[in-house]
Amino acid sequence: MEVYDELVARGLIAQVTDQDEIRELVNNGKATFYIGFDPTADSLHVGHFMALCLMKRLQKAGNRPVVLIGGGTGYVGDPSGRTDMRSMMTPEIIQHNCDCFKKQMERFIEFGPDKAIMANNADWLLKLNYIEMLRDVGACFSVNNMLRAECYKQRMEKGLSFLEFNYMIMQAYDFYHLYKTYGCNMQFGGDDQWSNMLAGTELIRRKLGKDAYAMTITLLTNSEGKKMGKTANGAVWLDPNKTTPFEFFQYWRNVGDDDVLKCMRMLTFLPLEQIDEMDKWEGSQLNEAKEILAYELTKLVHGKEEAENAKKTSHALFIDRKDDSYMPTTEINIDKLTDNSIGILDLMILSGLASSKSEARRLINQGGVFIDDTKVESTDLNITSRQLKNGIKIRKGKKTYRKVLVK
């Protein structure tokens, strides 16, 4: 099966500008394509993961990826999928986030001469002269057409700032610049980027008289139509310091029965024939499929050793219920204790089980916090240094565990 047909079979393709031409280019390794990543946080998350997997698939088929870090577009903020304006980041935060993205991407994509290219649109967008930009590029855009774009429609009721209105032009200019600089003939992105991507192909046509192509990736949603990659505590991050390998494993281990094979097709590199065989599985076999999914994705993001450890931890906690040696562990400094003890609210924050005292208090009042399998009944509970010396096991809800020690 050729790579384009495999993308279709895996359910990855949403919209394309010219299916025959795109199929021809990617199947013959003639696509130089880019995907943009705006540095809105200091880590990539599951939403970015599918785009990275697509890049990896196409690179293995001989195509050349251009990873575009949005150090310039990050100054504006993408209004797509938003009901309000993003908080403006300082130049220092933008640069820090860009640096974090680069380190994570090198785990997935092979960079180097004749391999993948990494670019940062700050290198050209921040140097543009406003009047020249208006005359050279702004004249190519119809405001009427822009206002009809889906990425702007949902913002019109609450108000769309002129700052954000420029985002489409900036993204289109990126495609134009990459086409001229690297011969980049395709842009891939999320399905919510369709209008911005079409703007880029049109700008290239009008300015250079050349054809360029766009393809959107199916958004990763569950059987209820909700975006995946979110938990009660926020995004599922690729940075192990923000979402531990065990938590990452458990997220995928707990996906719904109706979603497991879809996720396996879209995100793993397992052969389609093997996944299709799992279509016949039911009952307890679906749990095995979920474990395969969790293991494969954790191995891709964090490496084989962490995937093995996460699997052992999961078995120890939920099957064997004995060995806690692989349980995610937090070590706290002795100076965090007062009179040789620490309150449960502070301990939950330090261990990452709650983001604030109010959240920790709510979890306890709802009966969702346990220490060594005993329910915590009071928000005033104190844990002693003697208990912490040997380590205690805190459980939040049914499946979130943390071992806490004092050092």
Foldseek 3Di string as FASTA:
>chain_A
DFLVVLCVVLQWFDDKDDVVVVSVCLSQLNAEEEEEDELPDLFAFPQCQLVLLVQLSSLVSNHEYEYEYALPLLQQDALQPHQDGDDGDDNVRRVNSSVSHVVQSVLRAPDDVSHYHYYYCCVPNVPDDPVCCCVLQVVLDDPVLLCVQNSNVSRVVVDDDPSNSCSLSSLLVVLLVCCVPPVRQEYEEAPSCVVSRVSNQSSCCVPPVDGGMYIYTYACAAPVRHGPQADPVGGGGLDCVQQNLLNQLVSQLPGDLRRLLSCCSSRAPPDPVVSVVCVPDDDVVSSVSSNVSSLRVSCSRPNNVSSVLSSVCCCCVPPVVHDNPSPAEAEAEQVCDDPQKDFPLVVCCRQVVDVHSVRVQVQLCVQFKDKQNHTDNDSRDIDGLVDQQVWIWMGGHDDHIYTYHYD
